[in-house]
């Protein structure tokens, strides 16, 4: 289960990264599609029975909503997201 959690958490990070890219490009259709996939991935993450990973995933999506306000905030959020996904995914496998 821990490998599944790490896999889905990393995929969620990729989904959110696609959301950030779409938001920067002001492509609402692509943003909504990526956000929909992110929520599907979050549900798969929830099923791994790793509540800490699910909670971090929820926070990731809430952070995306807040960061979407300005392009500068999106840049900072992307940087933080990259650090979080790598570190947290590794912790899930350990």
PDB file of N, CA and C in Angstrom:
ATOM      1  N   UNK A   1       0.808  -1.214   0.000  1.00  0.00           N
ATOM      2  CA  UNK A   1       0.000   0.000   0.000  1.00  0.00           C
ATOM      3  C   UNK A   1       0.848   1.273   0.000  1.00  0.00           C
ATOM      4  N   UNK A   2       2.012   1.240   0.657  1.00  0.00           N
ATOM      5  CA  UNK A   2       2.804   2.464   0.715  1.00  0.00           C
ATOM      6  C   UNK A   2       3.327   2.860  -0.657  1.00  0.00           C
ATOM      7  N   UNK A   3       3.678   1.867  -1.491  1.00  0.00           N
ATOM      8  CA  UNK A   3       4.131   2.200  -2.832  1.00  0.00           C
ATOM      9  C   UNK A   3       2.981   2.789  -3.647  1.00  0.00           C
ATOM     10  N   UNK A   4       1.772   2.254  -3.461  1.00  0.00           N
ATOM     11  CA  UNK A   4       0.613   2.814  -4.143  1.00  0.00           C
ATOM     12  C   UNK A   4       0.398   4.262  -3.719  1.00  0.00           C
ATOM     13  N   UNK A   5       0.523   4.526  -2.426  1.00  0.00           N
ATOM     14  CA  UNK A   5       0.332   5.887  -1.923  1.00  0.00           C
ATOM     15  C   UNK A   5       1.375   6.827  -2.522  1.00  0.00           C
ATOM     16  N   UNK A   6       2.620   6.396  -2.557  1.00  0.00           N
ATOM     17  CA  UNK A   6       3.679   7.231  -3.137  1.00  0.00           C
ATOM     18  C   UNK A   6       3.410   7.489  -4.616  1.00  0.00           C
ATOM     19  N   UNK A   7       2.980   6.459  -5.324  1.00  0.00           N
ATOM     20  CA  UNK A   7       2.677   6.580  -6.750  1.00  0.00           C
ATOM     21  C   UNK A   7       1.549   7.584  -6.987  1.00  0.00           C
ATOM     22  N   UNK A   8       0.451   7.422  -6.258  1.00  0.00           N
ATOM     23  CA  UNK A   8      -0.684   8.328  -6.445  1.00  0.00           C
ATOM     24  C   UNK A   8      -0.381   9.746  -5.980  1.00  0.00           C
ATOM     25  N   UNK A   9       0.428   9.876  -4.924  1.00  0.00           N
ATOM     26  CA  UNK A   9       0.792  11.207  -4.454  1.00  0.00           C
ATOM     27  C   UNK A   9       1.626  11.928  -5.516  1.00  0.00           C
ATOM     28  N   UNK A  10       2.580  11.226  -6.096  1.00  0.00           N
ATOM     29  CA  UNK A  10       3.391  11.828  -7.159  1.00  0.00           C
ATOM     30  C   UNK A  10       2.525  12.172  -8.374  1.00  0.00           C
ATOM     31  N   UNK A  11       1.581  11.292  -8.713  1.00  0.00           N
ATOM     32  CA  UNK A  11       0.676  11.585  -9.829  1.00  0.00           C
ATOM     33  C   UNK A  11      -0.199  12.790  -9.534  1.00  0.00           C
ATOM     34  N   UNK A  12      -0.639  12.917  -8.289  1.00  0.00           N
ATOM     35  CA  UNK A  12      -1.428  14.090  -7.913  1.00  0.00           C
ATOM     36  C   UNK A  12      -0.598  15.357  -8.097  1.00  0.00           C
ATOM     37  N   UNK A  13       0.661  15.294  -7.711  1.00  0.00           N
ATOM     38  CA  UNK A  13       1.554  16.431  -7.924  1.00  0.00           C
ATOM     39  C   UNK A  13       1.662  16.791  -9.397  1.00  0.00           C
ATOM     40  N   UNK A  14       1.723  15.779 -10.260  1.00  0.00           N
ATOM     41  CA  UNK A  14       1.780  16.031 -11.705  1.00  0.00           C
ATOM     42  C   UNK A  14       0.476  16.647 -12.201  1.00  0.00           C
ATOM     43  N   UNK A  15      -0.642  16.163 -11.685  1.00  0.00           N
ATOM     44  CA  UNK A  15      -1.943  16.740 -12.059  1.00  0.00           C
ATOM     45  C   UNK A  15      -2.012  18.217 -11.669  1.00  0.00           C
ATOM     46  N   UNK A  16      -1.555  18.526 -10.471  1.00  0.00           N
ATOM     47  CA  UNK A  16      -1.582  19.911  -9.995  1.00  0.00           C
ATOM     48  C   UNK A  16      -0.617  20.765 -10.815  1.00  0.00           C
ATOM     49  N   UNK A  17       0.516  20.200 -11.185  1.00  0.00           N
ATOM     50  CA  UNK A  17       1.460  20.929 -12.043  1.00  0.00           C
ATOM     51  C   UNK A  17       0.806  21.269 -13.382  1.00  0.00           C
ATOM     52  N   UNK A  18       0.039  20.339 -13.930  1.00  0.00           N
ATOM     53  CA  UNK A  18      -0.679  20.629 -15.182  1.00  0.00           C
ATOM     54  C   UNK A  18      -1.720  21.736 -14.969  1.00  0.00           C
ATOM     55  N   UNK A  19      -2.344  21.748 -13.806  1.00  0.00           N
ATOM     56  CA  UNK A  19      -3.286  22.827 -13.480  1.00  0.00           C
ATOM     57  C   UNK A  19      -2.569  24.171 -13.456  1.00  0.00           C
ATOM     58  N   UNK A  20      -1.399  24.208 -12.849  1.00  0.00           N
ATOM     59  CA  UNK A  20      -0.626  25.445 -12.769  1.00  0.00           C
ATOM     60  C   UNK A  20      -0.262  25.927 -14.170  1.00  0.00           C
ATOM     61  N   UNK A  21       0.199  25.008 -14.990  1.00  0.00           N
ATOM     62  CA  UNK A  21       0.561  25.357 -16.366  1.00  0.00           C
ATOM     63  C   UNK A  21      -0.637  25.920 -17.123  1.00  0.00           C
ATOM     64  N   UNK A  22      -1.782  25.287 -16.976  1.00  0.00           N
ATOM     65  CA  UNK A  22      -3.000  25.762 -17.660  1.00  0.00           C
ATOM     66  C   UNK A  22      -3.424  27.124 -17.122  1.00  0.00           C
ATOM     67  N   UNK A  23      -3.309  27.321 -15.820  1.00  0.00           N
ATOM     68  CA  UNK A  23      -3.689  28.611 -15.229  1.00  0.00           C
ATOM     69  C   UNK A  23      -2.782  29.726 -15.745  1.00  0.00           C
ATOM     70  N   UNK A  24      -1.493  29.446 -15.841  1.00  0.00           N
ATOM     71  CA  UNK A  24      -0.554  30.453 -16.367  1.00  0.00           C
ATOM     72  C   UNK A  24      -0.882  30.809 -17.809  1.00  0.00           C
ATOM     73  N   UNK A  25      -1.323  29.800 -18.576  1.00  0.00           N
ATOM     74  CA  UNK A  25      -1.679  30.023 -19.983  1.00  0.00           C
ATOM     75  C   UNK A  25      -3.090  30.568 -20.142  1.00  0.00           C
ATOM     76  N   UNK A  26      -3.790  30.712 -19.022  1.00  0.00           N
ATOM     77  CA  UNK A  26      -5.182  31.174 -19.018  1.00  0.00           C
ATOM     78  C   UNK A  26      -6.077  30.283 -19.884  1.00  0.00           C
ATOM     79  N   UNK A  27      -5.788  28.990 -19.821  1.00  0.00           N
ATOM     80  CA  UNK A  27      -6.570  28.007 -20.574  1.00  0.00           C
ATOM     81  C   UNK A  27      -7.518  27.317 -19.593  1.00  0.00           C
ATOM     82  N   UNK A  28      -8.707  27.853 -19.493  1.00  0.00           N
ATOM     83  CA  UNK A  28      -9.687  27.376 -18.502  1.00  0.00           C
ATOM     84  C   UNK A  28     -10.139  25.943 -18.769  1.00  0.00           C
ATOM     85  N   UNK A  29     -10.277  25.579 -20.032  1.00  0.00           N
ATOM     86  CA  UNK A  29     -10.697  24.213 -20.364  1.00  0.00           C
ATOM     87  C   UNK A  29      -9.655  23.209 -19.898  1.00  0.00           C
ATOM     88  N   UNK A  30      -8.412  23.482 -20.214  1.00  0.00           N
ATOM     89  CA  UNK A  30      -7.328  22.583 -19.800  1.00  0.00           C
ATOM     90  C   UNK A  30      -7.184  22.557 -18.281  1.00  0.00           C
ATOM     91  N   UNK A  31      -7.385  23.714 -17.647  1.00  0.00           N
ATOM     92  CA  UNK A  31      -7.315  23.783 -16.181  1.00  0.00           C
ATOM     93  C   UNK A  31      -8.386  22.887 -15.557  1.00  0.00           C
ATOM     94  N   UNK A  32      -9.608  23.008 -16.019  1.00  0.00           N
ATOM     95  CA  UNK A  32     -10.715  22.222 -15.458  1.00  0.00           C
ATOM     96  C   UNK A  32     -10.504  20.727 -15.697  1.00  0.00           C
ATOM     97  N   UNK A  33      -9.989  20.370 -16.868  1.00  0.00           N
ATOM     98  CA  UNK A  33      -9.711  18.966 -17.169  1.00  0.00           C
ATOM     99  C   UNK A  33      -8.637  18.422 -16.227  1.00  0.00           C
ATOM    100  N   UNK A  34      -7.588  19.176 -16.033  1.00  0.00           N
ATOM    101  CA  UNK A  34      -6.511  18.755 -15.135  1.00  0.00           C
ATOM    102  C   UNK A  34      -6.979  18.699 -13.692  1.00  0.00           C
ATOM    103  N   UNK A  35      -7.804  19.635 -13.295  1.00  0.00           N
ATOM    104  CA  UNK A  35      -8.333  19.643 -11.934  1.00  0.00           C
ATOM    105  C   UNK A  35      -9.226  18.431 -11.701  1.00  0.00           C
ATOM    106  N   UNK A  36     -10.014  18.079 -12.699  1.00  0.00           N
ATOM    107  CA  UNK A  36     -10.867  16.895 -12.600  1.00  0.00           C
ATOM    108  C   UNK A  36     -10.008  15.639 -12.411  1.00  0.00           C
ATOM    109  N   UNK A  37      -8.925  15.534 -13.187  1.00  0.00           N
ATOM    110  CA  UNK A  37      -8.017  14.394 -13.032  1.00  0.00           C
ATOM    111  C   UNK A  37      -7.359  14.398 -11.663  1.00  0.00           C
ATOM    112  N   UNK A  38      -7.046  15.579 -11.154  1.00  0.00           N
ATOM    113  CA  UNK A  38      -6.426  15.675  -9.830  1.00  0.00           C
ATOM    114  C   UNK A  38      -7.373  15.130  -8.762  1.00  0.00           C
ATOM    115  N   UNK A  39      -8.633  15.453  -8.856  1.00  0.00           N
ATOM    116  CA  UNK A  39      -9.590  14.940  -7.872  1.00  0.00           C
ATOM    117  C   UNK A  39      -9.791  13.430  -8.019  1.00  0.00           C
ATOM    118  N   UNK A  40      -9.721  12.919  -9.234  1.00  0.00           N
ATOM    119  CA  UNK A  40      -9.791  11.469  -9.428  1.00  0.00           C
ATOM    120  C   UNK A  40      -8.575  10.792  -8.794  1.00  0.00           C
ATOM    121  N   UNK A  41      -7.410  11.371  -8.985  1.00  0.00           N
ATOM    122  CA  UNK A  41      -6.188  10.830  -8.384  1.00  0.00           C
ATOM    123  C   UNK A  41      -6.259  10.917  -6.870  1.00  0.00           C
ATOM    124  N   UNK A  42      -6.793  12.013  -6.353  1.00  0.00           N
ATOM    125  CA  UNK A  42      -6.945  12.160  -4.906  1.00  0.00           C
ATOM    126  C   UNK A  42      -7.818  11.049  -4.342  1.00  0.00           C
ATOM    127  N   UNK A  43      -8.868  10.679  -5.057  1.00  0.00           N
ATOM    128  CA  UNK A  43      -9.737   9.592  -4.599  1.00  0.00           C
ATOM    129  C   UNK A  43      -8.987   8.260  -4.583  1.00  0.00           C
ATOM    130  N   UNK A  44      -8.170   8.022  -5.583  1.00  0.00           N
ATOM    131  CA  UNK A  44      -7.351   6.804  -5.592  1.00  0.00           C
ATOM    132  C   UNK A  44      -6.362   6.819  -4.423  1.00  0.00           C
ATOM    133  N   UNK A  45      -5.804   7.979  -4.149  1.00  0.00           N
ATOM    134  CA  UNK A  45      -4.893   8.126  -3.012  1.00  0.00           C
ATOM    135  C   UNK A  45      -5.614   7.828  -1.705  1.00  0.00           C
ATOM    136  N   UNK A  46      -6.829   8.281  -1.599  1.00  0.00           N
ATOM    137  CA  UNK A  46      -7.635   8.040  -0.397  1.00  0.00           C
ATOM    138  C   UNK A  46      -7.816   6.539  -0.150  1.00  0.00           C
ATOM    139  N   UNK A  47      -7.976   5.785  -1.202  1.00  0.00           N
ATOM    140  CA  UNK A  47      -8.204   4.339  -1.092  1.00  0.00           C
ATOM    141  C   UNK A  47      -6.961   3.569  -0.657  1.00  0.00           C
ATOM    142  N   UNK A  48      -5.803   4.210  -0.615  1.00  0.00           N
ATOM    143  CA  UNK A  48      -4.579   3.516  -0.188  1.00  0.00           C
ATOM    144  C   UNK A  48      -4.491   3.397   1.328  1.00  0.00           C
ATOM    145  N   UNK A  49      -5.431   3.972   2.023  1.00  0.00           N
ATOM    146  CA  UNK A  49      -5.470   3.911   3.489  1.00  0.00           C
ATOM    147  C   UNK A  49      -4.242   4.560   4.122  1.00  0.00           C
ATOM    148  N   UNK A  50      -3.763   5.629   3.509  1.00  0.00           N
ATOM    149  CA  UNK A  50      -2.695   6.436   4.088  1.00  0.00           C
ATOM    150  C   UNK A  50      -3.265   7.838   4.308  1.00  0.00           C
ATOM    151  N   UNK A  51      -3.930   8.045   5.450  1.00  0.00           N
ATOM    152  CA  UNK A  51      -4.626   9.309   5.685  1.00  0.00           C
ATOM    153  C   UNK A  51      -3.719  10.535   5.615  1.00  0.00           C
ATOM    154  N   UNK A  52      -2.459  10.382   6.001  1.00  0.00           N
ATOM    155  CA  UNK A  52      -1.563  11.540   5.946  1.00  0.00           C
ATOM    156  C   UNK A  52      -1.307  11.968   4.501  1.00  0.00           C
ATOM    157  N   UNK A  53      -1.246  11.009   3.597  1.00  0.00           N
ATOM    158  CA  UNK A  53      -1.053  11.333   2.184  1.00  0.00           C
ATOM    159  C   UNK A  53      -2.306  12.000   1.619  1.00  0.00           C
ATOM    160  N   UNK A  54      -3.457  11.480   2.008  1.00  0.00           N
ATOM    161  CA  UNK A  54      -4.716  12.066   1.549  1.00  0.00           C
ATOM    162  C   UNK A  54      -4.863  13.504   2.053  1.00  0.00           C
ATOM    163  N   UNK A  55      -4.537  13.727   3.317  1.00  0.00           N
ATOM    164  CA  UNK A  55      -4.629  15.082   3.882  1.00  0.00           C
ATOM    165  C   UNK A  55      -3.682  16.045   3.170  1.00  0.00           C
ATOM    166  N   UNK A  56      -2.461  15.593   2.895  1.00  0.00           N
ATOM    167  CA  UNK A  56      -1.516  16.442   2.157  1.00  0.00           C
ATOM    168  C   UNK A  56      -2.037  16.729   0.753  1.00  0.00           C
ATOM    169  N   UNK A  57      -2.683  15.740   0.150  1.00  0.00           N
ATOM    170  CA  UNK A  57      -3.274  15.940  -1.176  1.00  0.00           C
ATOM    171  C   UNK A  57      -4.381  16.981  -1.155  1.00  0.00           C
ATOM    172  N   UNK A  58      -5.215  16.915  -0.124  1.00  0.00           N
ATOM    173  CA  UNK A  58      -6.266  17.933   0.024  1.00  0.00           C
ATOM    174  C   UNK A  58      -5.659  19.322   0.173  1.00  0.00           C
ATOM    175  N   UNK A  59      -4.617  19.413   0.997  1.00  0.00           N
ATOM    176  CA  UNK A  59      -3.948  20.705   1.190  1.00  0.00           C
ATOM    177  C   UNK A  59      -3.320  21.201  -0.108  1.00  0.00           C
ATOM    178  N   UNK A  60      -2.802  20.275  -0.896  1.00  0.00           N
ATOM    179  CA  UNK A  60      -2.208  20.633  -2.181  1.00  0.00           C
ATOM    180  C   UNK A  60      -3.257  21.291  -3.080  1.00  0.00           C
ATOM    181  N   UNK A  61      -4.446  20.715  -3.132  1.00  0.00           N
ATOM    182  CA  UNK A  61      -5.498  21.272  -3.978  1.00  0.00           C
ATOM    183  C   UNK A  61      -6.032  22.591  -3.428  1.00  0.00           C
ATOM    184  N   UNK A  62      -6.109  22.710  -2.119  1.00  0.00           N
ATOM    185  CA  UNK A  62      -6.520  23.993  -1.525  1.00  0.00           C
ATOM    186  C   UNK A  62      -5.480  25.066  -1.811  1.00  0.00           C
ATOM    187  N   UNK A  63      -4.207  24.688  -1.722  1.00  0.00           N
ATOM    188  CA  UNK A  63      -3.128  25.631  -2.033  1.00  0.00           C
ATOM    189  C   UNK A  63      -3.188  26.092  -3.473  1.00  0.00           C
ATOM    190  N   UNK A  64      -3.515  25.179  -4.368  1.00  0.00           N
ATOM    191  CA  UNK A  64      -3.658  25.535  -5.787  1.00  0.00           C
ATOM    192  C   UNK A  64      -4.735  26.597  -5.962  1.00  0.00           C
ATOM    193  N   UNK A  65      -5.859  26.405  -5.319  1.00  0.00           N
ATOM    194  CA  UNK A  65      -6.959  27.367  -5.440  1.00  0.00           C
ATOM    195  C   UNK A  65      -6.530  28.747  -4.949  1.00  0.00           C
ATOM    196  N   UNK A  66      -5.798  28.786  -3.854  1.00  0.00           N
ATOM    197  CA  UNK A  66      -5.338  30.070  -3.318  1.00  0.00           C
ATOM    198  C   UNK A  66      -4.251  30.688  -4.196  1.00  0.00           C
ATOM    199  N   UNK A  67      -3.345  29.859  -4.692  1.00  0.00           N
ATOM    200  CA  UNK A  67      -2.232  30.363  -5.500  1.00  0.00           C
ATOM    201  C   UNK A  67      -2.671  30.854  -6.864  1.00  0.00           C
ATOM    202  N   UNK A  68      -3.796  30.396  -7.312  1.00  0.00           N
ATOM    203  CA  UNK A  68      -4.275  30.755  -8.647  1.00  0.00           C
ATOM    204  C   UNK A  68      -4.612  32.240  -8.768  1.00  0.00           C
ATOM    205  N   UNK A  69      -4.659  32.928  -7.671  1.00  0.00           N
ATOM    206  CA  UNK A  69      -5.037  34.338  -7.668  1.00  0.00           C
ATOM    207  C   UNK A  69      -4.098  35.190  -8.519  1.00  0.00           C
ATOM    208  N   UNK A  70      -2.785  34.940  -8.442  1.00  0.00           N
ATOM    209  CA  UNK A  70      -1.833  35.738  -9.226  1.00  0.00           C
ATOM    210  C   UNK A  70      -0.750  34.850  -9.827  1.00  0.00           C
ATOM    211  N   UNK A  71      -0.226  35.209 -10.989  1.00  0.00           N
ATOM    212  CA  UNK A  71       0.843  34.423 -11.615  1.00  0.00           C
ATOM    213  C   UNK A  71       2.092  34.316 -10.732  1.00  0.00           C
ATOM    214  N   UNK A  72       2.420  35.369 -10.003  1.00  0.00           N
ATOM    215  CA  UNK A  72       3.594  35.335  -9.128  1.00  0.00           C
ATOM    216  C   UNK A  72       3.411  34.284  -8.038  1.00  0.00           C
ATOM    217  N   UNK A  73       2.228  34.184  -7.509  1.00  0.00           N
ATOM    218  CA  UNK A  73       1.931  33.209  -6.473  1.00  0.00           C
ATOM    219  C   UNK A  73       1.996  31.804  -7.054  1.00  0.00           C
ATOM    220  N   UNK A  74       1.565  31.632  -8.277  1.00  0.00           N
ATOM    221  CA  UNK A  74       1.633  30.322  -8.922  1.00  0.00           C
ATOM    222  C   UNK A  74       3.080  29.853  -9.053  1.00  0.00           C
ATOM    223  N   UNK A  75       3.981  30.759  -9.386  1.00  0.00           N
ATOM    224  CA  UNK A  75       5.405  30.407  -9.501  1.00  0.00           C
ATOM    225  C   UNK A  75       5.936  29.897  -8.175  1.00  0.00           C
ATOM    226  N   UNK A  76       5.643  30.611  -7.116  1.00  0.00           N
ATOM    227  CA  UNK A  76       6.093  30.223  -5.783  1.00  0.00           C
ATOM    228  C   UNK A  76       5.466  28.902  -5.359  1.00  0.00           C
ATOM    229  N   UNK A  77       4.191  28.744  -5.644  1.00  0.00           N
ATOM    230  CA  UNK A  77       3.494  27.509  -5.299  1.00  0.00           C
ATOM    231  C   UNK A  77       4.101  26.325  -6.055  1.00  0.00           C
ATOM    232  N   UNK A  78       4.432  26.500  -7.324  1.00  0.00           N
ATOM    233  CA  UNK A  78       5.047  25.426  -8.111  1.00  0.00           C
ATOM    234  C   UNK A  78       6.357  24.976  -7.483  1.00  0.00           C
ATOM    235  N   UNK A  79       7.160  25.925  -7.063  1.00  0.00           N
ATOM    236  CA  UNK A  79       8.429  25.597  -6.426  1.00  0.00           C
ATOM    237  C   UNK A  79       8.214  24.805  -5.135  1.00  0.00           C
ATOM    238  N   UNK A  80       7.288  25.248  -4.327  1.00  0.00           N
ATOM    239  CA  UNK A  80       6.975  24.548  -3.076  1.00  0.00           C
ATOM    240  C   UNK A  80       6.394  23.164  -3.353  1.00  0.00           C
ATOM    241  N   UNK A  81       5.564  23.070  -4.370  1.00  0.00           N
ATOM    242  CA  UNK A  81       4.953  21.802  -4.743  1.00  0.00           C
ATOM    243  C   UNK A  81       6.016  20.784  -5.150  1.00  0.00           C
ATOM    244  N   UNK A  82       6.975  21.216  -5.947  1.00  0.00           N
ATOM    245  CA  UNK A  82       8.042  20.315  -6.381  1.00  0.00           C
ATOM    246  C   UNK A  82       8.796  19.740  -5.187  1.00  0.00           C
ATOM    247  N   UNK A  83       9.104  20.581  -4.221  1.00  0.00           N
ATOM    248  CA  UNK A  83       9.807  20.127  -3.017  1.00  0.00           C
ATOM    249  C   UNK A  83       8.955  19.156  -2.213  1.00  0.00           C
ATOM    250  N   UNK A  84       7.677  19.486  -2.053  1.00  0.00           N
ATOM    251  CA  UNK A  84       6.778  18.654  -1.264  1.00  0.00           C
ATOM    252  C   UNK A  84       6.599  17.274  -1.878  1.00  0.00           C
ATOM    253  N   UNK A  85       6.350  17.216  -3.166  1.00  0.00           N
ATOM    254  CA  UNK A  85       6.060  15.936  -3.813  1.00  0.00           C
ATOM    255  C   UNK A  85       7.253  14.990  -3.698  1.00  0.00           C
ATOM    256  N   UNK A  86       8.428  15.486  -3.959  1.00  0.00           N
ATOM    257  CA  UNK A  86       9.612  14.635  -3.860  1.00  0.00           C
ATOM    258  C   UNK A  86       9.842  14.124  -2.448  1.00  0.00           C
ATOM    259  N   UNK A  87       9.809  15.020  -1.499  1.00  0.00           N
ATOM    260  CA  UNK A  87      10.086  14.650  -0.112  1.00  0.00           C
ATOM    261  C   UNK A  87       8.994  13.754   0.473  1.00  0.00           C
ATOM    262  N   UNK A  88       7.745  14.091   0.236  1.00  0.00           N
ATOM    263  CA  UNK A  88       6.665  13.336   0.835  1.00  0.00           C
ATOM    264  C   UNK A  88       6.510  11.971   0.186  1.00  0.00           C
ATOM    265  N   UNK A  89       6.702  11.882  -1.125  1.00  0.00           N
ATOM    266  CA  UNK A  89       6.615  10.594  -1.800  1.00  0.00           C
ATOM    267  C   UNK A  89       7.682   9.641  -1.269  1.00  0.00           C
ATOM    268  N   UNK A  90       8.888  10.164  -1.060  1.00  0.00           N
ATOM    269  CA  UNK A  90       9.975   9.335  -0.521  1.00  0.00           C
ATOM    270  C   UNK A  90       9.632   8.866   0.885  1.00  0.00           C
ATOM    271  N   UNK A  91       9.016   9.712   1.674  1.00  0.00           N
ATOM    272  CA  UNK A  91       8.632   9.342   3.045  1.00  0.00           C
ATOM    273  C   UNK A  91       7.559   8.264   3.038  1.00  0.00           C
ATOM    274  N   UNK A  92       6.682   8.275   2.066  1.00  0.00           N
ATOM    275  CA  UNK A  92       5.619   7.264   1.992  1.00  0.00           C
ATOM    276  C   UNK A  92       6.181   5.882   1.701  1.00  0.00           C
ATOM    277  N   UNK A  93       7.278   5.806   0.964  1.00  0.00           N
ATOM    278  CA  UNK A  93       7.874   4.527   0.609  1.00  0.00           C
ATOM    279  C   UNK A  93       8.660   3.964   1.791  1.00  0.00           C
ATOM    280  N   UNK A  94       9.221   4.833   2.588  1.00  0.00           N
ATOM    281  CA  UNK A  94      10.058   4.379   3.735  1.00  0.00           C
ATOM    282  C   UNK A  94       9.246   3.688   4.791  1.00  0.00           C
TER     283      UNK A  94
END
